[in-house]
């Protein structure tokens, strides 16, 4: 496995419309804003950040057939490879992101992401991989939990480490915390936020949340309080890297990229969390969820 360095990311790719109001949003009239179109989607963002770090990243996902060349080019521009599938009927997923300071509201149409098929992560791809990174919204398709369970089993059989980014607290609440944990059982690394950890365990203390989740490694992000790494029964705190916040979109995706790139190189989860914090601090300084080409 030492020679394997490829990191596969599997999940959503999105066209983001990021709106940053100049002040409070006013009902039934105009609110002056800064509005930007950016590529997004959690799994695609992580692949993009991985590519920008020089990692061997392959993204597997689905867009409108008309968007295949554009999204492949966007990922290639930051150093990531893509295995994109196209839908002739559904549009590429779109999210309107309304940014107010460090908080966001997101209006989502998943579009072609609903066609995601775990079989697209082929045994040939897994044979080249060190890590398979799955994002939680990949559960929302016809293959559902059974498809993800099969994918995790195939990856583990191929000697691939599996990591999971849950997606969002709202998604977990809608899907069901117990159902989510059951679907992702067998993964090696879980990257929940504090809010996601609370929902998944019913606990509030980070030191209690991490072991209660039941994964070999839990990397619990705590915002300005940093990160709690729980690995082999030992909890370690890692400080956040402070930076001016322009747009928090994609910071978690960037953190996962920094973590996984360092982990593949060193196998050290604490050093990986420090690397993740550094990359996340870069992500909040740009508009949108990806590095600039």
C-alpha atoms as a PDB file:
ATOM      1  CA  UNK A   1       0.000   0.000   0.000  1.00  0.00           C
ATOM      2  CA  UNK A   2       2.951   2.349   0.491  1.00  0.00           C
ATOM      3  CA  UNK A   3       3.122   3.117  -3.220  1.00  0.00           C
ATOM      4  CA  UNK A   4      -0.602   3.927  -3.466  1.00  0.00           C
ATOM      5  CA  UNK A   5      -1.284   7.650  -3.100  1.00  0.00           C
ATOM      6  CA  UNK A   6      -4.533   8.239  -5.013  1.00  0.00           C
ATOM      7  CA  UNK A   7      -7.437   9.765  -3.084  1.00  0.00           C
ATOM      8  CA  UNK A   8     -10.874   9.173  -4.622  1.00  0.00           C
ATOM      9  CA  UNK A   9     -13.681  11.533  -3.643  1.00  0.00           C
ATOM     10  CA  UNK A  10     -17.253  10.382  -4.319  1.00  0.00           C
ATOM     11  CA  UNK A  11     -20.305  12.606  -3.965  1.00  0.00           C
ATOM     12  CA  UNK A  12     -21.852  15.861  -5.097  1.00  0.00           C
ATOM     13  CA  UNK A  13     -20.690  18.454  -7.586  1.00  0.00           C
ATOM     14  CA  UNK A  14     -22.639  21.717  -7.617  1.00  0.00           C
ATOM     15  CA  UNK A  15     -22.863  25.100  -9.284  1.00  0.00           C
ATOM     16  CA  UNK A  16     -22.884  27.574  -6.387  1.00  0.00           C
ATOM     17  CA  UNK A  17     -24.425  31.024  -6.547  1.00  0.00           C
ATOM     18  CA  UNK A  18     -22.882  32.851  -3.581  1.00  0.00           C
ATOM     19  CA  UNK A  19     -24.718  35.973  -2.398  1.00  0.00           C
ATOM     20  CA  UNK A  20     -23.119  38.229   0.227  1.00  0.00           C
ATOM     21  CA  UNK A  21     -25.636  40.922   1.301  1.00  0.00           C
ATOM     22  CA  UNK A  22     -24.259  44.355   2.175  1.00  0.00           C
ATOM     23  CA  UNK A  23     -26.583  44.435   5.205  1.00  0.00           C
ATOM     24  CA  UNK A  24     -29.662  42.723   6.647  1.00  0.00           C
ATOM     25  CA  UNK A  25     -31.901  41.160   3.991  1.00  0.00           C
ATOM     26  CA  UNK A  26     -35.022  43.291   3.516  1.00  0.00           C
ATOM     27  CA  UNK A  27     -38.382  41.696   2.722  1.00  0.00           C
ATOM     28  CA  UNK A  28     -40.182  42.552  -0.533  1.00  0.00           C
ATOM     29  CA  UNK A  29     -37.487  44.906  -1.828  1.00  0.00           C
ATOM     30  CA  UNK A  30     -33.874  44.996  -3.008  1.00  0.00           C
ATOM     31  CA  UNK A  31     -30.921  44.246  -0.761  1.00  0.00           C
ATOM     32  CA  UNK A  32     -27.609  45.356  -2.348  1.00  0.00           C
ATOM     33  CA  UNK A  33     -25.309  42.324  -2.488  1.00  0.00           C
ATOM     34  CA  UNK A  34     -22.160  40.883  -3.975  1.00  0.00           C
ATOM     35  CA  UNK A  35     -23.122  37.839  -6.081  1.00  0.00           C
ATOM     36  CA  UNK A  36     -20.680  35.290  -7.485  1.00  0.00           C
ATOM     37  CA  UNK A  37     -20.998  32.083  -9.529  1.00  0.00           C
ATOM     38  CA  UNK A  38     -18.586  29.394  -8.341  1.00  0.00           C
ATOM     39  CA  UNK A  39     -18.178  25.636  -8.804  1.00  0.00           C
ATOM     40  CA  UNK A  40     -18.953  23.673  -5.650  1.00  0.00           C
ATOM     41  CA  UNK A  41     -20.208  20.448  -4.118  1.00  0.00           C
ATOM     42  CA  UNK A  42     -18.545  18.899  -1.079  1.00  0.00           C
ATOM     43  CA  UNK A  43     -16.793  15.953  -2.735  1.00  0.00           C
ATOM     44  CA  UNK A  44     -15.768  18.000  -5.772  1.00  0.00           C
ATOM     45  CA  UNK A  45     -14.472  20.787  -3.521  1.00  0.00           C
ATOM     46  CA  UNK A  46     -12.341  18.327  -1.566  1.00  0.00           C
ATOM     47  CA  UNK A  47     -10.920  16.953  -4.809  1.00  0.00           C
ATOM     48  CA  UNK A  48     -10.147  20.494  -5.975  1.00  0.00           C
ATOM     49  CA  UNK A  49      -8.286  21.363  -2.760  1.00  0.00           C
ATOM     50  CA  UNK A  50      -6.427  18.045  -2.931  1.00  0.00           C
ATOM     51  CA  UNK A  51      -5.376  18.797  -6.484  1.00  0.00           C
ATOM     52  CA  UNK A  52      -4.185  22.272  -5.506  1.00  0.00           C
ATOM     53  CA  UNK A  53      -2.015  20.691  -2.798  1.00  0.00           C
ATOM     54  CA  UNK A  54      -0.367  18.423  -5.341  1.00  0.00           C
ATOM     55  CA  UNK A  55      -2.169  15.253  -4.238  1.00  0.00           C
ATOM     56  CA  UNK A  56      -3.284  12.599  -6.711  1.00  0.00           C
ATOM     57  CA  UNK A  57      -7.047  13.252  -6.552  1.00  0.00           C
ATOM     58  CA  UNK A  58      -9.846  11.662  -8.584  1.00  0.00           C
ATOM     59  CA  UNK A  59     -13.415  12.932  -8.270  1.00  0.00           C
ATOM     60  CA  UNK A  60     -16.363  10.670  -9.188  1.00  0.00           C
ATOM     61  CA  UNK A  61     -19.717  12.378  -9.715  1.00  0.00           C
ATOM     62  CA  UNK A  62     -22.516  13.412 -12.078  1.00  0.00           C
ATOM     63  CA  UNK A  63     -23.492  16.611 -13.927  1.00  0.00           C
ATOM     64  CA  UNK A  64     -25.713  17.551 -16.844  1.00  0.00           C
ATOM     65  CA  UNK A  65     -24.342  16.117 -20.082  1.00  0.00           C
ATOM     66  CA  UNK A  66     -23.941  19.679 -21.343  1.00  0.00           C
ATOM     67  CA  UNK A  67     -21.709  20.516 -18.391  1.00  0.00           C
ATOM     68  CA  UNK A  68     -19.291  17.584 -18.664  1.00  0.00           C
ATOM     69  CA  UNK A  69     -16.460  19.495 -20.398  1.00  0.00           C
ATOM     70  CA  UNK A  70     -16.834  22.566 -18.176  1.00  0.00           C
ATOM     71  CA  UNK A  71     -16.711  20.729 -14.863  1.00  0.00           C
ATOM     72  CA  UNK A  72     -13.876  18.442 -15.977  1.00  0.00           C
ATOM     73  CA  UNK A  73     -11.900  21.532 -16.987  1.00  0.00           C
ATOM     74  CA  UNK A  74     -12.633  23.319 -13.704  1.00  0.00           C
ATOM     75  CA  UNK A  75     -11.192  20.401 -11.726  1.00  0.00           C
ATOM     76  CA  UNK A  76      -8.245  19.943 -14.076  1.00  0.00           C
ATOM     77  CA  UNK A  77      -7.383  23.637 -13.686  1.00  0.00           C
ATOM     78  CA  UNK A  78      -6.564  23.031 -10.004  1.00  0.00           C
ATOM     79  CA  UNK A  79      -4.802  19.710 -10.534  1.00  0.00           C
ATOM     80  CA  UNK A  80      -7.602  17.176  -9.941  1.00  0.00           C
ATOM     81  CA  UNK A  81      -8.718  14.354 -12.229  1.00  0.00           C
ATOM     82  CA  UNK A  82     -12.401  13.591 -12.721  1.00  0.00           C
ATOM     83  CA  UNK A  83     -14.515  10.574 -13.624  1.00  0.00           C
ATOM     84  CA  UNK A  84     -17.685  12.483 -14.488  1.00  0.00           C
ATOM     85  CA  UNK A  85     -20.938  10.963 -15.679  1.00  0.00           C
ATOM     86  CA  UNK A  86     -23.560  12.962 -17.557  1.00  0.00           C
ATOM     87  CA  UNK A  87     -27.332  13.177 -17.441  1.00  0.00           C
ATOM     88  CA  UNK A  88     -29.117  14.242 -20.636  1.00  0.00           C
ATOM     89  CA  UNK A  89     -32.250  15.068 -18.641  1.00  0.00           C
ATOM     90  CA  UNK A  90     -31.318  16.497 -15.228  1.00  0.00           C
ATOM     91  CA  UNK A  91     -29.491  19.784 -14.683  1.00  0.00           C
ATOM     92  CA  UNK A  92     -26.242  20.060 -12.796  1.00  0.00           C
ATOM     93  CA  UNK A  93     -26.968  20.536  -9.091  1.00  0.00           C
ATOM     94  CA  UNK A  94     -27.259  24.128  -7.928  1.00  0.00           C
ATOM     95  CA  UNK A  95     -27.081  25.795  -4.521  1.00  0.00           C
ATOM     96  CA  UNK A  96     -27.836  29.416  -3.687  1.00  0.00           C
ATOM     97  CA  UNK A  97     -25.574  30.272  -0.745  1.00  0.00           C
ATOM     98  CA  UNK A  98     -26.482  33.359   1.292  1.00  0.00           C
ATOM     99  CA  UNK A  99     -23.491  34.393   3.396  1.00  0.00           C
ATOM    100  CA  UNK A 100     -23.970  36.514   6.516  1.00  0.00           C
ATOM    101  CA  UNK A 101     -20.687  36.757   8.392  1.00  0.00           C
ATOM    102  CA  UNK A 102     -19.603  33.283   9.482  1.00  0.00           C
ATOM    103  CA  UNK A 103     -23.092  31.848   8.939  1.00  0.00           C
ATOM    104  CA  UNK A 104     -24.746  30.676   5.727  1.00  0.00           C
ATOM    105  CA  UNK A 105     -28.159  29.702   4.428  1.00  0.00           C
ATOM    106  CA  UNK A 106     -28.259  27.268   1.510  1.00  0.00           C
ATOM    107  CA  UNK A 107     -31.081  26.671  -0.978  1.00  0.00           C
ATOM    108  CA  UNK A 108     -30.386  23.395  -2.770  1.00  0.00           C
ATOM    109  CA  UNK A 109     -31.411  21.620  -5.964  1.00  0.00           C
ATOM    110  CA  UNK A 110     -29.406  18.385  -6.221  1.00  0.00           C
ATOM    111  CA  UNK A 111     -30.170  17.834  -9.891  1.00  0.00           C
ATOM    112  CA  UNK A 112     -27.950  15.217 -11.559  1.00  0.00           C
ATOM    113  CA  UNK A 113     -26.403  14.321  -8.188  1.00  0.00           C
ATOM    114  CA  UNK A 114     -29.486  12.196  -7.537  1.00  0.00           C
ATOM    115  CA  UNK A 115     -28.164   9.748 -10.158  1.00  0.00           C
ATOM    116  CA  UNK A 116     -24.939   8.985  -8.278  1.00  0.00           C
ATOM    117  CA  UNK A 117     -24.112   5.289  -8.509  1.00  0.00           C
ATOM    118  CA  UNK A 118     -21.530   3.647  -6.199  1.00  0.00           C
ATOM    119  CA  UNK A 119     -20.674   1.262  -9.049  1.00  0.00           C
ATOM    120  CA  UNK A 120     -18.990   4.233 -10.760  1.00  0.00           C
ATOM    121  CA  UNK A 121     -16.206   3.816  -8.193  1.00  0.00           C
ATOM    122  CA  UNK A 122     -14.920   0.763 -10.023  1.00  0.00           C
ATOM    123  CA  UNK A 123     -12.699  -1.988  -8.688  1.00  0.00           C
ATOM    124  CA  UNK A 124     -10.058  -0.724 -11.128  1.00  0.00           C
ATOM    125  CA  UNK A 125     -10.150   2.720  -9.491  1.00  0.00           C
ATOM    126  CA  UNK A 126     -10.023   1.208  -6.007  1.00  0.00           C
ATOM    127  CA  UNK A 127      -7.001  -0.899  -6.953  1.00  0.00           C
ATOM    128  CA  UNK A 128      -5.049   2.357  -7.433  1.00  0.00           C
ATOM    129  CA  UNK A 129      -6.331   4.153  -4.340  1.00  0.00           C
ATOM    130  CA  UNK A 130      -5.080   4.762  -0.823  1.00  0.00           C
ATOM    131  CA  UNK A 131      -8.234   6.559   0.369  1.00  0.00           C
ATOM    132  CA  UNK A 132     -11.887   6.666  -0.655  1.00  0.00           C
ATOM    133  CA  UNK A 133     -13.579   9.814   0.664  1.00  0.00           C
ATOM    134  CA  UNK A 134     -17.406   9.737   0.684  1.00  0.00           C
ATOM    135  CA  UNK A 135     -19.679  12.697   1.412  1.00  0.00           C
ATOM    136  CA  UNK A 136     -22.979  12.114   3.190  1.00  0.00           C
ATOM    137  CA  UNK A 137     -25.347  13.386   0.514  1.00  0.00           C
ATOM    138  CA  UNK A 138     -24.219  10.472  -1.670  1.00  0.00           C
ATOM    139  CA  UNK A 139     -26.833   8.470   0.258  1.00  0.00           C
ATOM    140  CA  UNK A 140     -29.625  10.378  -1.504  1.00  0.00           C
ATOM    141  CA  UNK A 141     -30.015   8.322  -4.675  1.00  0.00           C
ATOM    142  CA  UNK A 142     -31.549   5.048  -5.839  1.00  0.00           C
ATOM    143  CA  UNK A 143     -28.633   2.957  -4.519  1.00  0.00           C
ATOM    144  CA  UNK A 144     -29.178   4.515  -1.061  1.00  0.00           C
ATOM    145  CA  UNK A 145     -27.616   2.982   2.052  1.00  0.00           C
ATOM    146  CA  UNK A 146     -27.188  -0.479   0.528  1.00  0.00           C
ATOM    147  CA  UNK A 147     -25.112   0.993  -2.279  1.00  0.00           C
ATOM    148  CA  UNK A 148     -22.860   2.876   0.129  1.00  0.00           C
ATOM    149  CA  UNK A 149     -22.440  -0.215   2.322  1.00  0.00           C
ATOM    150  CA  UNK A 150     -21.406  -2.223  -0.734  1.00  0.00           C
ATOM    151  CA  UNK A 151     -18.962   0.491  -1.801  1.00  0.00           C
ATOM    152  CA  UNK A 152     -17.372   0.656   1.655  1.00  0.00           C
ATOM    153  CA  UNK A 153     -17.066  -3.142   1.722  1.00  0.00           C
ATOM    154  CA  UNK A 154     -15.419  -3.199  -1.719  1.00  0.00           C
ATOM    155  CA  UNK A 155     -13.010  -0.457  -0.718  1.00  0.00           C
ATOM    156  CA  UNK A 156     -12.033  -2.187   2.519  1.00  0.00           C
ATOM    157  CA  UNK A 157     -11.535  -5.482   0.646  1.00  0.00           C
ATOM    158  CA  UNK A 158      -9.197  -3.644  -1.731  1.00  0.00           C
ATOM    159  CA  UNK A 159      -7.143  -2.332   1.190  1.00  0.00           C
ATOM    160  CA  UNK A 160      -8.446   1.224   0.830  1.00  0.00           C
ATOM    161  CA  UNK A 161      -9.012   3.470   3.846  1.00  0.00           C
ATOM    162  CA  UNK A 162     -12.519   4.963   3.833  1.00  0.00           C
ATOM    163  CA  UNK A 163     -13.248   8.442   5.180  1.00  0.00           C
ATOM    164  CA  UNK A 164     -16.651  10.116   5.480  1.00  0.00           C
ATOM    165  CA  UNK A 165     -17.709  13.752   5.693  1.00  0.00           C
ATOM    166  CA  UNK A 166     -21.325  13.728   6.969  1.00  0.00           C
ATOM    167  CA  UNK A 167     -22.545  16.681   4.890  1.00  0.00           C
ATOM    168  CA  UNK A 168     -24.569  18.932   7.180  1.00  0.00           C
ATOM    169  CA  UNK A 169     -26.537  18.819  10.400  1.00  0.00           C
ATOM    170  CA  UNK A 170     -29.742  19.532   8.472  1.00  0.00           C
ATOM    171  CA  UNK A 171     -29.144  16.585   6.175  1.00  0.00           C
ATOM    172  CA  UNK A 172     -28.465  14.262   9.127  1.00  0.00           C
ATOM    173  CA  UNK A 173     -31.624  15.443  10.899  1.00  0.00           C
ATOM    174  CA  UNK A 174     -33.702  14.754   7.782  1.00  0.00           C
ATOM    175  CA  UNK A 175     -32.061  11.408   7.011  1.00  0.00           C
ATOM    176  CA  UNK A 176     -32.001  10.197  10.615  1.00  0.00           C
ATOM    177  CA  UNK A 177     -28.895  10.010  12.820  1.00  0.00           C
ATOM    178  CA  UNK A 178     -29.165   6.261  13.510  1.00  0.00           C
ATOM    179  CA  UNK A 179     -29.767   5.505   9.830  1.00  0.00           C
ATOM    180  CA  UNK A 180     -26.764   7.616   8.847  1.00  0.00           C
ATOM    181  CA  UNK A 181     -24.432   5.863  11.281  1.00  0.00           C
ATOM    182  CA  UNK A 182     -25.687   2.469  10.134  1.00  0.00           C
ATOM    183  CA  UNK A 183     -25.135   3.407   6.481  1.00  0.00           C
ATOM    184  CA  UNK A 184     -21.545   4.531   7.097  1.00  0.00           C
ATOM    185  CA  UNK A 185     -20.561   1.658   9.409  1.00  0.00           C
ATOM    186  CA  UNK A 186     -17.259   0.178   8.296  1.00  0.00           C
ATOM    187  CA  UNK A 187     -15.647   3.507   7.417  1.00  0.00           C
ATOM    188  CA  UNK A 188     -12.307   4.250   9.087  1.00  0.00           C
ATOM    189  CA  UNK A 189     -12.365   8.045   9.518  1.00  0.00           C
ATOM    190  CA  UNK A 190     -15.316  10.337  10.259  1.00  0.00           C
ATOM    191  CA  UNK A 191     -15.106  14.140   9.871  1.00  0.00           C
ATOM    192  CA  UNK A 192     -18.132  15.568  11.748  1.00  0.00           C
ATOM    193  CA  UNK A 193     -18.620  19.142  12.851  1.00  0.00           C
ATOM    194  CA  UNK A 194     -19.668  19.768  16.458  1.00  0.00           C
ATOM    195  CA  UNK A 195     -23.310  20.233  15.379  1.00  0.00           C
ATOM    196  CA  UNK A 196     -23.230  16.997  13.380  1.00  0.00           C
ATOM    197  CA  UNK A 197     -21.616  15.174  16.296  1.00  0.00           C
ATOM    198  CA  UNK A 198     -24.337  16.401  18.663  1.00  0.00           C
ATOM    199  CA  UNK A 199     -27.063  15.135  16.341  1.00  0.00           C
ATOM    200  CA  UNK A 200     -25.376  11.773  15.799  1.00  0.00           C
ATOM    201  CA  UNK A 201     -24.793  11.067  19.495  1.00  0.00           C
ATOM    202  CA  UNK A 202     -27.188  13.244  21.502  1.00  0.00           C
ATOM    203  CA  UNK A 203     -24.159  14.466  23.478  1.00  0.00           C
ATOM    204  CA  UNK A 204     -22.721  17.956  23.851  1.00  0.00           C
ATOM    205  CA  UNK A 205     -19.168  17.562  25.197  1.00  0.00           C
ATOM    206  CA  UNK A 206     -16.655  17.002  22.358  1.00  0.00           C
ATOM    207  CA  UNK A 207     -14.656  14.649  24.590  1.00  0.00           C
ATOM    208  CA  UNK A 208     -17.786  12.495  24.898  1.00  0.00           C
ATOM    209  CA  UNK A 209     -19.011  12.856  21.306  1.00  0.00           C
ATOM    210  CA  UNK A 210     -15.871  11.550  19.591  1.00  0.00           C
ATOM    211  CA  UNK A 211     -15.646   8.096  21.243  1.00  0.00           C
ATOM    212  CA  UNK A 212     -19.435   7.655  21.171  1.00  0.00           C
ATOM    213  CA  UNK A 213     -19.475   7.779  17.372  1.00  0.00           C
ATOM    214  CA  UNK A 214     -17.809   4.383  17.121  1.00  0.00           C
ATOM    215  CA  UNK A 215     -15.256   5.000  14.353  1.00  0.00           C
ATOM    216  CA  UNK A 216     -11.553   4.187  14.574  1.00  0.00           C
ATOM    217  CA  UNK A 217     -10.633   7.812  13.945  1.00  0.00           C
ATOM    218  CA  UNK A 218     -12.974  10.746  14.558  1.00  0.00           C
ATOM    219  CA  UNK A 219     -11.856  14.238  13.570  1.00  0.00           C
ATOM    220  CA  UNK A 220     -14.352  16.573  15.237  1.00  0.00           C
ATOM    221  CA  UNK A 221     -14.158  20.148  13.988  1.00  0.00           C
ATOM    222  CA  UNK A 222     -15.021  22.803  16.579  1.00  0.00           C
ATOM    223  CA  UNK A 223     -14.824  26.086  14.671  1.00  0.00           C
ATOM    224  CA  UNK A 224     -12.700  28.677  16.450  1.00  0.00           C
ATOM    225  CA  UNK A 225     -11.945  26.111  19.183  1.00  0.00           C
ATOM    226  CA  UNK A 226      -9.975  24.001  16.726  1.00  0.00           C
ATOM    227  CA  UNK A 227     -10.219  20.254  16.243  1.00  0.00           C
ATOM    228  CA  UNK A 228     -10.505  17.196  18.476  1.00  0.00           C
ATOM    229  CA  UNK A 229      -8.748  14.138  17.042  1.00  0.00           C
ATOM    230  CA  UNK A 230      -9.844  10.837  18.569  1.00  0.00           C
ATOM    231  CA  UNK A 231      -7.612   7.990  17.392  1.00  0.00           C
ATOM    232  CA  UNK A 232      -7.048   4.571  18.936  1.00  0.00           C
ATOM    233  CA  UNK A 233      -8.744   5.692  22.162  1.00  0.00           C
ATOM    234  CA  UNK A 234      -6.675   8.864  22.581  1.00  0.00           C
ATOM    235  CA  UNK A 235      -8.134  12.372  22.230  1.00  0.00           C
ATOM    236  CA  UNK A 236      -5.859  15.222  21.107  1.00  0.00           C
ATOM    237  CA  UNK A 237      -6.777  18.876  20.701  1.00  0.00           C
ATOM    238  CA  UNK A 238      -5.438  20.813  17.690  1.00  0.00           C
ATOM    239  CA  UNK A 239      -5.692  24.601  17.590  1.00  0.00           C
ATOM    240  CA  UNK A 240      -7.521  26.407  14.805  1.00  0.00           C
ATOM    241  CA  UNK A 241      -5.560  28.604  12.413  1.00  0.00           C
ATOM    242  CA  UNK A 242      -7.162  32.035  12.589  1.00  0.00           C
ATOM    243  CA  UNK A 243      -7.738  34.000   9.399  1.00  0.00           C
ATOM    244  CA  UNK A 244     -10.058  36.756   8.178  1.00  0.00           C
ATOM    245  CA  UNK A 245     -13.334  35.222   6.988  1.00  0.00           C
ATOM    246  CA  UNK A 246     -14.571  36.302   3.564  1.00  0.00           C
ATOM    247  CA  UNK A 247     -16.793  33.250   2.925  1.00  0.00           C
ATOM    248  CA  UNK A 248     -16.892  30.075   5.062  1.00  0.00           C
ATOM    249  CA  UNK A 249     -18.260  27.986   2.161  1.00  0.00           C
ATOM    250  CA  UNK A 250     -16.142  24.883   1.642  1.00  0.00           C
ATOM    251  CA  UNK A 251     -13.929  25.296   4.700  1.00  0.00           C
ATOM    252  CA  UNK A 252     -14.840  21.812   5.916  1.00  0.00           C
ATOM    253  CA  UNK A 253     -14.119  20.353   2.478  1.00  0.00           C
ATOM    254  CA  UNK A 254     -10.737  22.077   2.451  1.00  0.00           C
ATOM    255  CA  UNK A 255     -10.017  20.748   5.944  1.00  0.00           C
ATOM    256  CA  UNK A 256     -10.684  17.184   4.760  1.00  0.00           C
ATOM    257  CA  UNK A 257      -8.347  17.730   1.811  1.00  0.00           C
ATOM    258  CA  UNK A 258      -5.523  19.030   3.973  1.00  0.00           C
ATOM    259  CA  UNK A 259      -6.010  16.204   6.452  1.00  0.00           C
ATOM    260  CA  UNK A 260      -6.077  13.425   3.857  1.00  0.00           C
ATOM    261  CA  UNK A 261      -3.122  14.758   1.865  1.00  0.00           C
ATOM    262  CA  UNK A 262      -0.955  14.839   5.015  1.00  0.00           C
ATOM    263  CA  UNK A 263      -2.278  11.513   6.304  1.00  0.00           C
ATOM    264  CA  UNK A 264      -1.359   9.750   3.051  1.00  0.00           C
ATOM    265  CA  UNK A 265       2.167  11.148   3.376  1.00  0.00           C
ATOM    266  CA  UNK A 266       2.756  10.529   7.090  1.00  0.00           C
ATOM    267  CA  UNK A 267       0.001   8.365   8.569  1.00  0.00           C
ATOM    268  CA  UNK A 268      -0.097  10.776  11.541  1.00  0.00           C
ATOM    269  CA  UNK A 269      -3.689  11.860  12.365  1.00  0.00           C
ATOM    270  CA  UNK A 270      -2.633  14.775  14.580  1.00  0.00           C
ATOM    271  CA  UNK A 271      -0.213  16.195  11.993  1.00  0.00           C
ATOM    272  CA  UNK A 272      -2.975  15.653   9.435  1.00  0.00           C
ATOM    273  CA  UNK A 273      -5.437  17.693  11.533  1.00  0.00           C
ATOM    274  CA  UNK A 274      -2.912  20.531  11.768  1.00  0.00           C
ATOM    275  CA  UNK A 275      -2.518  20.451   7.988  1.00  0.00           C
ATOM    276  CA  UNK A 276      -6.296  20.438   7.588  1.00  0.00           C
ATOM    277  CA  UNK A 277      -6.608  23.515   9.792  1.00  0.00           C
ATOM    278  CA  UNK A 278      -4.043  25.349   7.676  1.00  0.00           C
ATOM    279  CA  UNK A 279      -5.873  24.591   4.434  1.00  0.00           C
ATOM    280  CA  UNK A 280      -9.257  25.506   5.957  1.00  0.00           C
ATOM    281  CA  UNK A 281      -7.825  28.896   6.967  1.00  0.00           C
ATOM    282  CA  UNK A 282      -6.983  29.486   3.304  1.00  0.00           C
ATOM    283  CA  UNK A 283     -10.454  28.440   2.192  1.00  0.00           C
ATOM    284  CA  UNK A 284     -12.314  31.043   4.283  1.00  0.00           C
ATOM    285  CA  UNK A 285     -10.332  33.795   2.564  1.00  0.00           C
ATOM    286  CA  UNK A 286     -11.799  33.136  -0.902  1.00  0.00           C
ATOM    287  CA  UNK A 287     -15.357  33.388  -2.232  1.00  0.00           C
ATOM    288  CA  UNK A 288     -16.739  29.951  -2.981  1.00  0.00           C
ATOM    289  CA  UNK A 289     -15.695  26.472  -1.895  1.00  0.00           C
ATOM    290  CA  UNK A 290     -12.626  25.863  -4.043  1.00  0.00           C
ATOM    291  CA  UNK A 291      -9.096  27.212  -4.509  1.00  0.00           C
ATOM    292  CA  UNK A 292      -8.584  29.717  -7.279  1.00  0.00           C
ATOM    293  CA  UNK A 293      -6.793  28.292 -10.363  1.00  0.00           C
END
